[in-house]
Amino acid sequence: MKQQEEVAALFDEWNRAIQSGDPDKVTELYAFNGTLLPTVSNQVRHNHAEIRDYFVHFLAKKPKGEINESNIRIFGDIAFNSGVYTFSFTPPGEEPFAATARFTFAYRWQGDRWQIIEHHSSLMPEK
């Protein structure tokens, strides 16, 4: 698999992890000292414990992501995927809804796999 496709597939792996409902599966995709700037929290997450805490609450909304636009760049052992994604949510006992956000995933090759070292997600500012 060429590198562009490999990096693109990392979102699919992450999306499957969030759909599993298991915050540990999501957290293990992040480097131990990775940073998460999440969509629906004002708190920057700096480590696995903080990242896991975010996903405990986020996964309760039953998210499913879909990329609308992806821009992949690779620089040796660092790769970026940035663009726009839309999440559909089906929280138990609530009406389903969707949210579109801008994203950037920064990955680093850790010897045997890519890990997320930085993930930024922010809601689109214009309706």
N, C-alpha and C. Protein backbone atom coordinates (compact mmCIF):
# COMPACT_ATOMS: atom_id res chain seq x y z
N MET A 1 0.87 -1.17 0.00
CA MET A 1 0.00 0.00 0.00
C MET A 1 0.91 1.23 0.00
N LYS A 2 0.65 2.15 -0.89
CA LYS A 2 1.50 3.34 -0.89
C LYS A 2 1.18 4.23 0.31
N GLN A 3 2.11 5.08 0.66
CA GLN A 3 2.00 5.87 1.89
C GLN A 3 0.75 6.73 1.97
N GLN A 4 0.34 7.36 0.88
CA GLN A 4 -0.87 8.20 0.90
C GLN A 4 -2.08 7.37 1.32
N GLU A 5 -2.21 6.17 0.75
CA GLU A 5 -3.34 5.30 1.09
C GLU A 5 -3.24 4.82 2.53
N GLU A 6 -2.02 4.54 2.97
CA GLU A 6 -1.81 4.09 4.34
C GLU A 6 -2.25 5.17 5.33
N VAL A 7 -1.88 6.41 5.05
CA VAL A 7 -2.28 7.52 5.94
C VAL A 7 -3.79 7.74 5.86
N ALA A 8 -4.37 7.64 4.69
CA ALA A 8 -5.83 7.79 4.56
C ALA A 8 -6.56 6.72 5.37
N ALA A 9 -6.02 5.52 5.40
CA ALA A 9 -6.65 4.41 6.12
C ALA A 9 -6.61 4.60 7.63
N LEU A 10 -5.73 5.48 8.12
CA LEU A 10 -5.66 5.73 9.55
C LEU A 10 -6.94 6.36 10.09
N PHE A 11 -7.59 7.20 9.27
CA PHE A 11 -8.88 7.75 9.70
C PHE A 11 -9.91 6.63 9.84
N ASP A 12 -9.92 5.70 8.89
CA ASP A 12 -10.88 4.58 8.96
C ASP A 12 -10.66 3.76 10.23
N GLU A 13 -9.39 3.54 10.58
CA GLU A 13 -9.08 2.81 11.81
C GLU A 13 -9.59 3.58 13.03
N TRP A 14 -9.36 4.89 13.04
CA TRP A 14 -9.82 5.73 14.15
C TRP A 14 -11.35 5.74 14.22
N ASN A 15 -12.00 5.84 13.05
CA ASN A 15 -13.47 5.87 12.99
C ASN A 15 -14.06 4.55 13.50
N ARG A 16 -13.45 3.42 13.14
CA ARG A 16 -13.91 2.13 13.67
C ARG A 16 -13.74 2.08 15.19
N ALA A 17 -12.64 2.64 15.68
CA ALA A 17 -12.40 2.65 17.13
C ALA A 17 -13.47 3.47 17.84
N ILE A 18 -13.82 4.65 17.29
CA ILE A 18 -14.85 5.45 17.98
C ILE A 18 -16.22 4.77 17.90
N GLN A 19 -16.48 4.06 16.81
CA GLN A 19 -17.76 3.37 16.70
C GLN A 19 -17.84 2.14 17.61
N SER A 20 -16.69 1.66 18.07
CA SER A 20 -16.68 0.51 18.99
C SER A 20 -17.28 0.89 20.35
N GLY A 21 -17.25 2.20 20.66
CA GLY A 21 -17.74 2.66 21.96
C GLY A 21 -16.73 2.47 23.07
N ASP A 22 -15.53 1.98 22.76
CA ASP A 22 -14.51 1.69 23.76
C ASP A 22 -13.45 2.81 23.75
N PRO A 23 -13.43 3.66 24.79
CA PRO A 23 -12.47 4.76 24.80
C PRO A 23 -11.02 4.29 24.81
N ASP A 24 -10.76 3.10 25.33
CA ASP A 24 -9.39 2.58 25.34
C ASP A 24 -8.90 2.27 23.93
N LYS A 25 -9.78 1.75 23.07
CA LYS A 25 -9.40 1.48 21.67
C LYS A 25 -9.04 2.77 20.95
N VAL A 26 -9.76 3.84 21.25
CA VAL A 26 -9.47 5.13 20.62
C VAL A 26 -8.16 5.68 21.17
N THR A 27 -8.02 5.67 22.47
CA THR A 27 -6.85 6.25 23.13
C THR A 27 -5.56 5.59 22.67
N GLU A 28 -5.57 4.29 22.43
CA GLU A 28 -4.33 3.60 22.04
C GLU A 28 -3.82 4.02 20.66
N LEU A 29 -4.64 4.71 19.88
CA LEU A 29 -4.21 5.21 18.58
C LEU A 29 -3.37 6.49 18.70
N TYR A 30 -3.40 7.10 19.89
CA TYR A 30 -2.66 8.33 20.15
C TYR A 30 -1.32 8.00 20.81
N ALA A 31 -0.28 8.75 20.45
CA ALA A 31 1.00 8.61 21.13
C ALA A 31 0.79 8.95 22.61
N PHE A 32 1.63 8.37 23.47
CA PHE A 32 1.48 8.58 24.91
C PHE A 32 1.46 10.07 25.26
N ASN A 33 2.27 10.86 24.57
CA ASN A 33 2.31 12.30 24.84
C ASN A 33 1.61 13.09 23.74
N GLY A 34 0.64 12.45 23.07
CA GLY A 34 -0.12 13.12 22.03
C GLY A 34 -1.00 14.22 22.60
N THR A 35 -1.42 15.13 21.72
CA THR A 35 -2.27 16.24 22.13
C THR A 35 -3.57 16.19 21.33
N LEU A 36 -4.68 16.39 22.03
CA LEU A 36 -6.00 16.45 21.41
C LEU A 36 -6.61 17.81 21.72
N LEU A 37 -6.98 18.54 20.66
CA LEU A 37 -7.76 19.77 20.80
C LEU A 37 -9.15 19.40 20.29
N PRO A 38 -10.04 18.98 21.19
CA PRO A 38 -11.30 18.37 20.78
C PRO A 38 -12.36 19.35 20.31
N THR A 39 -13.31 18.80 19.58
CA THR A 39 -14.39 19.59 18.99
C THR A 39 -15.33 20.15 20.04
N VAL A 40 -15.73 19.33 21.00
CA VAL A 40 -16.80 19.73 21.92
C VAL A 40 -16.31 19.82 23.37
N SER A 41 -15.11 20.33 23.55
CA SER A 41 -14.58 20.57 24.89
C SER A 41 -13.58 21.72 24.79
N ASN A 42 -13.58 22.57 25.79
CA ASN A 42 -12.63 23.67 25.82
C ASN A 42 -11.27 23.25 26.37
N GLN A 43 -11.19 22.06 26.94
CA GLN A 43 -9.96 21.58 27.57
C GLN A 43 -9.05 20.90 26.55
N VAL A 44 -7.81 21.37 26.47
CA VAL A 44 -6.80 20.69 25.66
C VAL A 44 -6.39 19.43 26.41
N ARG A 45 -6.29 18.32 25.70
CA ARG A 45 -5.93 17.03 26.30
C ARG A 45 -4.48 16.72 25.95
N HIS A 46 -3.65 16.46 26.99
CA HIS A 46 -2.20 16.36 26.82
C HIS A 46 -1.62 14.97 26.95
N ASN A 47 -2.41 13.99 27.34
CA ASN A 47 -1.88 12.65 27.59
C ASN A 47 -3.00 11.62 27.49
N HIS A 48 -2.66 10.36 27.63
CA HIS A 48 -3.65 9.31 27.48
C HIS A 48 -4.82 9.43 28.46
N ALA A 49 -4.54 9.76 29.71
CA ALA A 49 -5.62 9.86 30.69
C ALA A 49 -6.62 10.95 30.29
N GLU A 50 -6.12 12.10 29.88
CA GLU A 50 -7.00 13.20 29.49
C GLU A 50 -7.72 12.91 28.17
N ILE A 51 -7.02 12.29 27.23
CA ILE A 51 -7.64 11.94 25.95
C ILE A 51 -8.74 10.91 26.17
N ARG A 52 -8.46 9.90 26.99
CA ARG A 52 -9.46 8.87 27.29
C ARG A 52 -10.70 9.50 27.92
N ASP A 53 -10.49 10.42 28.87
CA ASP A 53 -11.61 11.09 29.54
C ASP A 53 -12.52 11.77 28.52
N TYR A 54 -11.93 12.45 27.54
CA TYR A 54 -12.74 13.10 26.51
C TYR A 54 -13.58 12.07 25.77
N PHE A 55 -12.95 10.97 25.36
CA PHE A 55 -13.67 10.00 24.55
C PHE A 55 -14.73 9.23 25.33
N VAL A 56 -14.58 9.10 26.64
CA VAL A 56 -15.64 8.48 27.44
C VAL A 56 -16.95 9.23 27.19
N HIS A 57 -16.89 10.56 27.22
CA HIS A 57 -18.09 11.38 27.06
C HIS A 57 -18.51 11.48 25.58
N PHE A 58 -17.55 11.63 24.69
CA PHE A 58 -17.84 11.76 23.26
C PHE A 58 -18.49 10.49 22.71
N LEU A 59 -17.98 9.33 23.09
CA LEU A 59 -18.49 8.07 22.56
C LEU A 59 -19.91 7.76 23.04
N ALA A 60 -20.31 8.35 24.16
CA ALA A 60 -21.66 8.13 24.67
C ALA A 60 -22.71 8.65 23.69
N LYS A 61 -22.31 9.54 22.77
CA LYS A 61 -23.23 10.11 21.78
C LYS A 61 -23.33 9.25 20.52
N LYS A 62 -22.63 8.11 20.50
CA LYS A 62 -22.64 7.17 19.36
C LYS A 62 -22.24 7.84 18.05
N PRO A 63 -21.01 8.39 17.99
CA PRO A 63 -20.56 9.09 16.78
C PRO A 63 -20.15 8.16 15.65
N LYS A 64 -20.31 8.66 14.46
CA LYS A 64 -19.80 7.99 13.26
C LYS A 64 -19.32 9.09 12.32
N GLY A 65 -18.05 9.03 11.93
CA GLY A 65 -17.46 10.07 11.12
C GLY A 65 -17.38 9.72 9.65
N GLU A 66 -17.37 10.77 8.83
CA GLU A 66 -17.19 10.62 7.39
C GLU A 66 -16.39 11.82 6.90
N ILE A 67 -15.34 11.55 6.14
CA ILE A 67 -14.52 12.63 5.62
C ILE A 67 -15.18 13.23 4.38
N ASN A 68 -15.30 14.56 4.38
CA ASN A 68 -15.81 15.30 3.23
C ASN A 68 -14.67 15.77 2.33
N GLU A 69 -13.55 16.14 2.95
CA GLU A 69 -12.37 16.59 2.21
C GLU A 69 -11.14 16.18 3.00
N SER A 70 -10.17 15.62 2.30
CA SER A 70 -8.95 15.16 2.94
C SER A 70 -7.74 15.68 2.16
N ASN A 71 -6.74 16.16 2.90
CA ASN A 71 -5.49 16.65 2.30
C ASN A 71 -4.34 16.00 3.05
N ILE A 72 -3.66 15.08 2.40
CA ILE A 72 -2.60 14.30 3.05
C ILE A 72 -1.24 14.79 2.56
N ARG A 73 -0.33 15.02 3.53
CA ARG A 73 1.05 15.38 3.23
C ARG A 73 1.94 14.53 4.11
N ILE A 74 3.02 14.03 3.54
CA ILE A 74 3.93 13.16 4.27
C ILE A 74 5.34 13.73 4.19
N PHE A 75 6.00 13.81 5.33
CA PHE A 75 7.36 14.33 5.43
C PHE A 75 8.19 13.33 6.24
N GLY A 76 8.67 12.29 5.61
CA GLY A 76 9.45 11.28 6.31
C GLY A 76 8.60 10.52 7.31
N ASP A 77 8.95 10.65 8.60
CA ASP A 77 8.21 9.91 9.63
C ASP A 77 7.07 10.73 10.24
N ILE A 78 6.72 11.86 9.61
CA ILE A 78 5.59 12.69 10.04
C ILE A 78 4.60 12.79 8.87
N ALA A 79 3.32 12.62 9.19
CA ALA A 79 2.28 12.73 8.17
C ALA A 79 1.12 13.55 8.73
N PHE A 80 0.46 14.28 7.83
CA PHE A 80 -0.70 15.09 8.20
C PHE A 80 -1.88 14.70 7.33
N ASN A 81 -3.05 14.68 7.92
CA ASN A 81 -4.30 14.57 7.17
C ASN A 81 -5.19 15.67 7.72
N SER A 82 -5.55 16.62 6.87
CA SER A 82 -6.40 17.72 7.32
C SER A 82 -7.50 17.94 6.31
N GLY A 83 -8.60 18.48 6.79
CA GLY A 83 -9.74 18.73 5.91
C GLY A 83 -11.00 18.96 6.69
N VAL A 84 -12.08 18.38 6.19
CA VAL A 84 -13.41 18.55 6.78
C VAL A 84 -14.04 17.18 6.95
N TYR A 85 -14.64 16.97 8.12
CA TYR A 85 -15.41 15.75 8.33
C TYR A 85 -16.75 16.07 8.96
N THR A 86 -17.69 15.12 8.78
CA THR A 86 -19.02 15.26 9.36
C THR A 86 -19.27 14.06 10.25
N PHE A 87 -19.78 14.34 11.44
CA PHE A 87 -20.15 13.28 12.37
C PHE A 87 -21.66 13.21 12.50
N SER A 88 -22.17 12.01 12.44
CA SER A 88 -23.57 11.78 12.79
C SER A 88 -23.58 11.17 14.18
N PHE A 89 -24.54 11.59 14.97
CA PHE A 89 -24.66 11.14 16.35
C PHE A 89 -26.06 10.57 16.57
N THR A 90 -26.13 9.49 17.32
CA THR A 90 -27.42 8.90 17.70
C THR A 90 -27.40 8.62 19.20
N PRO A 91 -27.43 9.69 20.01
CA PRO A 91 -27.36 9.50 21.46
C PRO A 91 -28.60 8.75 21.96
N PRO A 92 -28.42 7.80 22.85
CA PRO A 92 -29.57 7.06 23.39
C PRO A 92 -30.59 8.00 24.02
N GLY A 93 -31.84 7.85 23.63
CA GLY A 93 -32.92 8.65 24.18
C GLY A 93 -33.02 10.06 23.65
N GLU A 94 -32.20 10.40 22.65
CA GLU A 94 -32.22 11.75 22.08
C GLU A 94 -32.38 11.67 20.57
N GLU A 95 -32.70 12.81 19.97
CA GLU A 95 -32.81 12.88 18.51
C GLU A 95 -31.42 12.81 17.87
N PRO A 96 -31.29 12.08 16.77
CA PRO A 96 -30.01 12.07 16.05
C PRO A 96 -29.69 13.47 15.52
N PHE A 97 -28.41 13.76 15.40
CA PHE A 97 -27.98 15.04 14.84
C PHE A 97 -26.63 14.85 14.17
N ALA A 98 -26.20 15.88 13.45
CA ALA A 98 -24.91 15.83 12.75
C ALA A 98 -24.16 17.13 13.00
N ALA A 99 -22.83 17.06 12.89
CA ALA A 99 -21.98 18.23 13.04
C ALA A 99 -20.82 18.12 12.06
N THR A 100 -20.52 19.23 11.40
CA THR A 100 -19.40 19.28 10.46
C THR A 100 -18.28 20.10 11.09
N ALA A 101 -17.06 19.59 10.97
CA ALA A 101 -15.91 20.22 11.60
C ALA A 101 -14.69 20.15 10.70
N ARG A 102 -13.76 21.07 10.96
CA ARG A 102 -12.45 21.01 10.33
C ARG A 102 -11.57 20.12 11.20
N PHE A 103 -10.62 19.43 10.59
CA PHE A 103 -9.76 18.55 11.37
C PHE A 103 -8.33 18.58 10.86
N THR A 104 -7.42 18.27 11.75
CA THR A 104 -6.04 17.98 11.41
C THR A 104 -5.58 16.84 12.30
N PHE A 105 -5.14 15.76 11.68
CA PHE A 105 -4.45 14.69 12.38
C PHE A 105 -2.98 14.79 11.99
N ALA A 106 -2.10 14.81 12.97
CA ALA A 106 -0.66 14.71 12.72
C ALA A 106 -0.22 13.36 13.27
N TYR A 107 0.48 12.60 12.44
CA TYR A 107 0.92 11.26 12.80
C TYR A 107 2.43 11.20 12.79
N ARG A 108 2.98 10.32 13.61
CA ARG A 108 4.41 10.04 13.58
C ARG A 108 4.61 8.54 13.49
N TRP A 109 5.52 8.14 12.61
CA TRP A 109 5.84 6.73 12.48
C TRP A 109 6.63 6.34 13.72
N GLN A 110 6.15 5.36 14.46
CA GLN A 110 6.77 4.97 15.73
C GLN A 110 7.53 3.64 15.61
N GLY A 111 8.09 3.37 14.44
CA GLY A 111 8.89 2.17 14.27
C GLY A 111 8.13 1.00 13.68
N ASP A 112 6.87 0.82 14.12
CA ASP A 112 6.07 -0.27 13.58
C ASP A 112 4.66 0.16 13.20
N ARG A 113 4.31 1.39 13.52
CA ARG A 113 2.97 1.89 13.18
C ARG A 113 2.92 3.41 13.31
N TRP A 114 1.93 3.99 12.65
CA TRP A 114 1.66 5.42 12.80
C TRP A 114 0.86 5.63 14.08
N GLN A 115 1.17 6.69 14.80
CA GLN A 115 0.38 7.08 15.96
C GLN A 115 0.03 8.56 15.83
N ILE A 116 -1.12 8.91 16.41
CA ILE A 116 -1.56 10.30 16.39
C ILE A 116 -0.74 11.07 17.43
N ILE A 117 -0.05 12.11 16.97
CA ILE A 117 0.70 12.95 17.91
C ILE A 117 -0.01 14.27 18.17
N GLU A 118 -0.92 14.64 17.27
CA GLU A 118 -1.70 15.87 17.42
C GLU A 118 -3.00 15.70 16.65
N HIS A 119 -4.11 16.05 17.28
CA HIS A 119 -5.42 15.98 16.63
C HIS A 119 -6.19 17.24 17.02
N HIS A 120 -6.53 18.02 16.03
CA HIS A 120 -7.30 19.25 16.24
C HIS A 120 -8.59 19.13 15.47
N SER A 121 -9.69 19.46 16.12
CA SER A 121 -11.01 19.41 15.49
C SER A 121 -11.82 20.60 15.97
N SER A 122 -12.40 21.35 15.03
CA SER A 122 -13.21 22.50 15.43
C SER A 122 -14.41 22.62 14.51
N LEU A 123 -15.53 22.95 15.12
CA LEU A 123 -16.77 23.10 14.35
C LEU A 123 -16.60 24.19 13.30
N MET A 124 -17.29 24.02 12.18
CA MET A 124 -17.24 25.01 11.12
C MET A 124 -17.84 26.31 11.65
N PRO A 125 -17.18 27.45 11.41
CA PRO A 125 -17.64 28.71 11.98
C PRO A 125 -18.86 29.31 11.26
N GLU A 126 -19.08 28.94 10.01
CA GLU A 126 -20.20 29.51 9.26
C GLU A 126 -21.29 28.46 9.07
N LYS A 127 -22.50 28.88 9.16
CA LYS A 127 -23.64 27.96 8.97
C LYS A 127 -23.95 27.82 7.51
